[in-house]
Amino acid sequence: MSKKLKDRLEEIGLLLPPAPKPAGLYRPILIIDNQLYVSGQGPVLENGGLMYGKVGSDLDKEEGKAAARQVGLTMLSTIITHTPEELVIKRVIKVLGMVNATPEFKNHPYVINGFSELFADVFGSENGVGVRSAVGMHLPQNIPVEIEAAFLIEK
């Protein structure tokens, strides 16, 4: 990952968790032409463990938002771990945010803002915000949030 991104992460004082190992048969990242795709990421903690719980019963919307932010930190760790050092991210293109929520929970976009606000801080309000979906569903291992994303990169 570029020195510029590493410097930016240090500047805003972000501590990244370890990049997770794939939980199945897939690539954590894939670069095609000038795009970087990152597979769905869960909220990995600094000790390598996962956050758990269903938003709307085990977690409230603020805790769900914090989990989405933690997914963002996990994704940054995955990007840094699995991309070439010379890679430069120009902007976020697309984010798919999935919230493990009760059927009654209605604030999925608010939860995914935890991720989006982090990426706006890291890449700037213009380049850190792309198009986005935020949906509710059942997630594996009872993690509260999973997010996948696509980025435009310099080649």
C-alpha atoms as a PDB file:
ATOM      1  CA  MET A   1       0.000   0.000   0.000  1.00  0.00           C
ATOM      2  CA  SER A   2       1.219   3.446  -0.799  1.00  0.00           C
ATOM      3  CA  LYS A   3       3.242   5.430   1.705  1.00  0.00           C
ATOM      4  CA  LYS A   4       0.646   8.186   1.342  1.00  0.00           C
ATOM      5  CA  LEU A   5      -2.122   5.936   2.719  1.00  0.00           C
ATOM      6  CA  LYS A   6       0.066   4.583   5.521  1.00  0.00           C
ATOM      7  CA  ASP A   7       0.976   8.158   6.460  1.00  0.00           C
ATOM      8  CA  ARG A   8      -2.704   9.164   6.430  1.00  0.00           C
ATOM      9  CA  LEU A   9      -3.648   6.257   8.702  1.00  0.00           C
ATOM     10  CA  GLU A  10      -0.914   7.247  11.153  1.00  0.00           C
ATOM     11  CA  GLU A  11      -1.925  10.912  10.957  1.00  0.00           C
ATOM     12  CA  ILE A  12      -5.487  10.188  12.066  1.00  0.00           C
ATOM     13  CA  GLY A  13      -4.301   7.614  14.629  1.00  0.00           C
ATOM     14  CA  LEU A  14      -5.959   4.465  13.320  1.00  0.00           C
ATOM     15  CA  LEU A  15      -5.000   1.116  14.806  1.00  0.00           C
ATOM     16  CA  LEU A  16      -5.711  -1.712  12.398  1.00  0.00           C
ATOM     17  CA  PRO A  17      -6.602  -5.277  13.352  1.00  0.00           C
ATOM     18  CA  PRO A  18      -4.834  -8.171  11.676  1.00  0.00           C
ATOM     19  CA  ALA A  19      -6.103  -8.988   8.190  1.00  0.00           C
ATOM     20  CA  PRO A  20      -8.384 -12.031   8.398  1.00  0.00           C
ATOM     21  CA  LYS A  21      -7.594 -15.233   6.569  1.00  0.00           C
ATOM     22  CA  PRO A  22     -10.230 -16.246   3.989  1.00  0.00           C
ATOM     23  CA  ALA A  23     -13.068 -18.231   5.577  1.00  0.00           C
ATOM     24  CA  GLY A  24     -13.696 -20.158   2.353  1.00  0.00           C
ATOM     25  CA  LEU A  25     -12.571 -20.514  -1.232  1.00  0.00           C
ATOM     26  CA  TYR A  26     -12.183 -16.909  -2.420  1.00  0.00           C
ATOM     27  CA  ARG A  27      -9.601 -14.165  -2.800  1.00  0.00           C
ATOM     28  CA  PRO A  28      -9.493 -11.404  -0.180  1.00  0.00           C
ATOM     29  CA  ILE A  29      -8.788  -8.895  -2.974  1.00  0.00           C
ATOM     30  CA  LEU A  30      -8.792  -8.929  -6.738  1.00  0.00           C
ATOM     31  CA  ILE A  31      -7.285  -6.290  -9.021  1.00  0.00           C
ATOM     32  CA  ILE A  32      -8.688  -6.046 -12.544  1.00  0.00           C
ATOM     33  CA  ASP A  33      -7.411  -3.229 -14.736  1.00  0.00           C
ATOM     34  CA  ASN A  34      -7.861  -0.060 -12.670  1.00  0.00           C
ATOM     35  CA  GLN A  35     -10.219  -1.505 -10.063  1.00  0.00           C
ATOM     36  CA  LEU A  36      -9.633  -3.144  -6.706  1.00  0.00           C
ATOM     37  CA  TYR A  37     -12.346  -5.435  -5.355  1.00  0.00           C
ATOM     38  CA  VAL A  38     -12.353  -6.414  -1.690  1.00  0.00           C
ATOM     39  CA  SER A  39     -14.305  -9.487  -0.577  1.00  0.00           C
ATOM     40  CA  GLY A  40     -16.799  -9.195   2.249  1.00  0.00           C
ATOM     41  CA  GLN A  41     -15.105  -8.289   5.514  1.00  0.00           C
ATOM     42  CA  GLY A  42     -16.344  -8.723   9.077  1.00  0.00           C
ATOM     43  CA  PRO A  43     -15.489  -6.727  12.200  1.00  0.00           C
ATOM     44  CA  VAL A  44     -12.108  -8.117  13.321  1.00  0.00           C
ATOM     45  CA  LEU A  45     -10.810  -6.766  16.627  1.00  0.00           C
ATOM     46  CA  GLU A  46      -7.193  -5.816  17.368  1.00  0.00           C
ATOM     47  CA  ASN A  47      -6.684  -9.193  19.096  1.00  0.00           C
ATOM     48  CA  GLY A  48      -7.844 -11.050  15.962  1.00  0.00           C
ATOM     49  CA  GLY A  49     -11.235 -12.015  17.401  1.00  0.00           C
ATOM     50  CA  LEU A  50     -14.580 -11.059  15.882  1.00  0.00           C
ATOM     51  CA  MET A  51     -17.407  -8.854  17.097  1.00  0.00           C
ATOM     52  CA  TYR A  52     -20.700 -10.751  17.429  1.00  0.00           C
ATOM     53  CA  GLY A  53     -24.394  -9.962  17.738  1.00  0.00           C
ATOM     54  CA  LYS A  54     -27.578  -9.045  15.947  1.00  0.00           C
ATOM     55  CA  VAL A  55     -28.387  -5.345  15.609  1.00  0.00           C
ATOM     56  CA  GLY A  56     -31.802  -4.624  17.091  1.00  0.00           C
ATOM     57  CA  SER A  57     -31.559  -7.282  19.816  1.00  0.00           C
ATOM     58  CA  ASP A  58     -27.966  -7.877  20.997  1.00  0.00           C
ATOM     59  CA  LEU A  59     -26.669  -4.513  19.754  1.00  0.00           C
ATOM     60  CA  ASP A  60     -28.277  -1.080  19.401  1.00  0.00           C
ATOM     61  CA  LYS A  61     -27.797   1.095  16.332  1.00  0.00           C
ATOM     62  CA  GLU A  62     -24.739   2.890  17.827  1.00  0.00           C
ATOM     63  CA  GLU A  63     -23.037  -0.433  18.552  1.00  0.00           C
ATOM     64  CA  GLY A  64     -23.924  -1.565  15.033  1.00  0.00           C
ATOM     65  CA  LYS A  65     -22.381   1.628  13.628  1.00  0.00           C
ATOM     66  CA  ALA A  66     -19.218   0.969  15.677  1.00  0.00           C
ATOM     67  CA  ALA A  67     -19.121  -2.565  14.229  1.00  0.00           C
ATOM     68  CA  ALA A  68     -19.354  -1.136  10.686  1.00  0.00           C
ATOM     69  CA  ARG A  69     -16.444   1.184  11.483  1.00  0.00           C
ATOM     70  CA  GLN A  70     -14.477  -1.825  12.726  1.00  0.00           C
ATOM     71  CA  VAL A  71     -15.218  -3.548   9.409  1.00  0.00           C
ATOM     72  CA  GLY A  72     -13.678  -0.502   7.710  1.00  0.00           C
ATOM     73  CA  LEU A  73     -10.526  -0.895   9.788  1.00  0.00           C
ATOM     74  CA  THR A  74     -10.463  -4.588   8.897  1.00  0.00           C
ATOM     75  CA  MET A  75     -10.814  -3.753   5.200  1.00  0.00           C
ATOM     76  CA  LEU A  76      -7.952  -1.262   5.371  1.00  0.00           C
ATOM     77  CA  SER A  77      -5.809  -3.968   6.978  1.00  0.00           C
ATOM     78  CA  THR A  78      -6.772  -6.430   4.235  1.00  0.00           C
ATOM     79  CA  ILE A  79      -5.911  -3.891   1.545  1.00  0.00           C
ATOM     80  CA  ILE A  80      -2.531  -3.087   3.109  1.00  0.00           C
ATOM     81  CA  THR A  81      -1.715  -6.777   3.615  1.00  0.00           C
ATOM     82  CA  HIS A  82      -2.686  -8.032   0.160  1.00  0.00           C
ATOM     83  CA  THR A  83      -1.874  -5.250  -2.318  1.00  0.00           C
ATOM     84  CA  PRO A  84       1.442  -4.185  -3.808  1.00  0.00           C
ATOM     85  CA  GLU A  85       3.196  -1.339  -2.025  1.00  0.00           C
ATOM     86  CA  GLU A  86       2.994   0.922  -5.090  1.00  0.00           C
ATOM     87  CA  LEU A  87      -0.820   0.642  -5.342  1.00  0.00           C
ATOM     88  CA  VAL A  88      -2.668   3.955  -4.929  1.00  0.00           C
ATOM     89  CA  ILE A  89      -6.406   4.114  -4.292  1.00  0.00           C
ATOM     90  CA  LYS A  90      -7.992   7.053  -6.111  1.00  0.00           C
ATOM     91  CA  ARG A  91     -11.543   6.660  -4.815  1.00  0.00           C
ATOM     92  CA  VAL A  92     -14.254   4.422  -3.397  1.00  0.00           C
ATOM     93  CA  ILE A  93     -16.560   3.232  -6.174  1.00  0.00           C
ATOM     94  CA  LYS A  94     -19.133   0.944  -4.526  1.00  0.00           C
ATOM     95  CA  VAL A  95     -19.924  -0.335  -1.046  1.00  0.00           C
ATOM     96  CA  LEU A  96     -22.327  -3.144  -0.165  1.00  0.00           C
ATOM     97  CA  GLY A  97     -23.116  -3.066   3.546  1.00  0.00           C
ATOM     98  CA  MET A  98     -24.916  -6.026   5.101  1.00  0.00           C
ATOM     99  CA  VAL A  99     -26.325  -5.732   8.605  1.00  0.00           C
ATOM    100  CA  ASN A 100     -27.227  -8.752  10.731  1.00  0.00           C
ATOM    101  CA  ALA A 101     -30.433  -7.244  12.100  1.00  0.00           C
ATOM    102  CA  THR A 102     -33.794  -8.181  13.523  1.00  0.00           C
ATOM    103  CA  PRO A 103     -36.750  -7.914  11.125  1.00  0.00           C
ATOM    104  CA  GLU A 104     -37.988  -4.864  13.061  1.00  0.00           C
ATOM    105  CA  PHE A 105     -34.715  -2.926  12.747  1.00  0.00           C
ATOM    106  CA  LYS A 106     -35.039  -0.098  10.210  1.00  0.00           C
ATOM    107  CA  ASN A 107     -31.743   1.857  10.417  1.00  0.00           C
ATOM    108  CA  HIS A 108     -29.417  -0.178   8.179  1.00  0.00           C
ATOM    109  CA  PRO A 109     -28.072   2.934   6.363  1.00  0.00           C
ATOM    110  CA  TYR A 110     -27.234   4.556   9.716  1.00  0.00           C
ATOM    111  CA  VAL A 111     -25.228   1.478  10.747  1.00  0.00           C
ATOM    112  CA  ILE A 112     -23.247   1.393   7.482  1.00  0.00           C
ATOM    113  CA  ASN A 113     -22.426   5.089   7.977  1.00  0.00           C
ATOM    114  CA  GLY A 114     -19.815   3.837  10.475  1.00  0.00           C
ATOM    115  CA  PHE A 115     -17.862   2.445   7.511  1.00  0.00           C
ATOM    116  CA  SER A 116     -18.615   5.327   5.141  1.00  0.00           C
ATOM    117  CA  GLU A 117     -17.606   8.024   7.636  1.00  0.00           C
ATOM    118  CA  LEU A 118     -14.292   6.250   8.271  1.00  0.00           C
ATOM    119  CA  PHE A 119     -13.497   6.044   4.545  1.00  0.00           C
ATOM    120  CA  ALA A 120     -14.483   9.706   4.088  1.00  0.00           C
ATOM    121  CA  ASP A 121     -11.968  10.554   6.850  1.00  0.00           C
ATOM    122  CA  VAL A 122      -9.240   8.438   5.259  1.00  0.00           C
ATOM    123  CA  PHE A 123      -9.724   9.317   1.569  1.00  0.00           C
ATOM    124  CA  GLY A 124     -11.539  12.663   1.833  1.00  0.00           C
ATOM    125  CA  SER A 125     -15.226  13.492   1.480  1.00  0.00           C
ATOM    126  CA  GLU A 126     -15.088  13.460  -2.332  1.00  0.00           C
ATOM    127  CA  ASN A 127     -13.029  10.314  -2.951  1.00  0.00           C
ATOM    128  CA  GLY A 128     -13.959   8.360   0.177  1.00  0.00           C
ATOM    129  CA  VAL A 129     -17.676   8.201  -0.597  1.00  0.00           C
ATOM    130  CA  GLY A 130     -19.023   6.134  -3.471  1.00  0.00           C
ATOM    131  CA  VAL A 131     -22.353   4.567  -4.315  1.00  0.00           C
ATOM    132  CA  ARG A 132     -23.702   2.306  -1.595  1.00  0.00           C
ATOM    133  CA  SER A 133     -26.301  -0.219  -0.559  1.00  0.00           C
ATOM    134  CA  ALA A 134     -27.212  -1.052   3.042  1.00  0.00           C
ATOM    135  CA  VAL A 135     -29.354  -4.130   3.613  1.00  0.00           C
ATOM    136  CA  GLY A 136     -30.425  -6.390   6.449  1.00  0.00           C
ATOM    137  CA  MET A 137     -29.860 -10.145   6.465  1.00  0.00           C
ATOM    138  CA  HIS A 138     -28.617 -13.075   8.503  1.00  0.00           C
ATOM    139  CA  LEU A 139     -24.792 -13.154   8.536  1.00  0.00           C
ATOM    140  CA  PRO A 140     -22.401 -16.058   9.159  1.00  0.00           C
ATOM    141  CA  GLN A 141     -21.057 -16.640  12.678  1.00  0.00           C
ATOM    142  CA  ASN A 142     -23.571 -14.045  13.968  1.00  0.00           C
ATOM    143  CA  ILE A 143     -21.259 -11.122  13.085  1.00  0.00           C
ATOM    144  CA  PRO A 144     -23.156  -7.804  13.157  1.00  0.00           C
ATOM    145  CA  VAL A 145     -21.899  -6.350   9.850  1.00  0.00           C
ATOM    146  CA  GLU A 146     -20.219  -7.507   6.655  1.00  0.00           C
ATOM    147  CA  ILE A 147     -19.086  -5.125   3.918  1.00  0.00           C
ATOM    148  CA  GLU A 148     -17.588  -5.574   0.460  1.00  0.00           C
ATOM    149  CA  ALA A 149     -16.251  -2.733  -1.672  1.00  0.00           C
ATOM    150  CA  ALA A 150     -14.763  -1.719  -5.004  1.00  0.00           C
ATOM    151  CA  PHE A 151     -12.148   1.008  -5.521  1.00  0.00           C
ATOM    152  CA  LEU A 152     -10.660   2.908  -8.437  1.00  0.00           C
ATOM    153  CA  ILE A 153      -6.871   2.649  -8.407  1.00  0.00           C
ATOM    154  CA  GLU A 154      -3.980   4.253 -10.257  1.00  0.00           C
ATOM    155  CA  LYS A 155      -2.184   1.810 -12.520  1.00  0.00           C
END
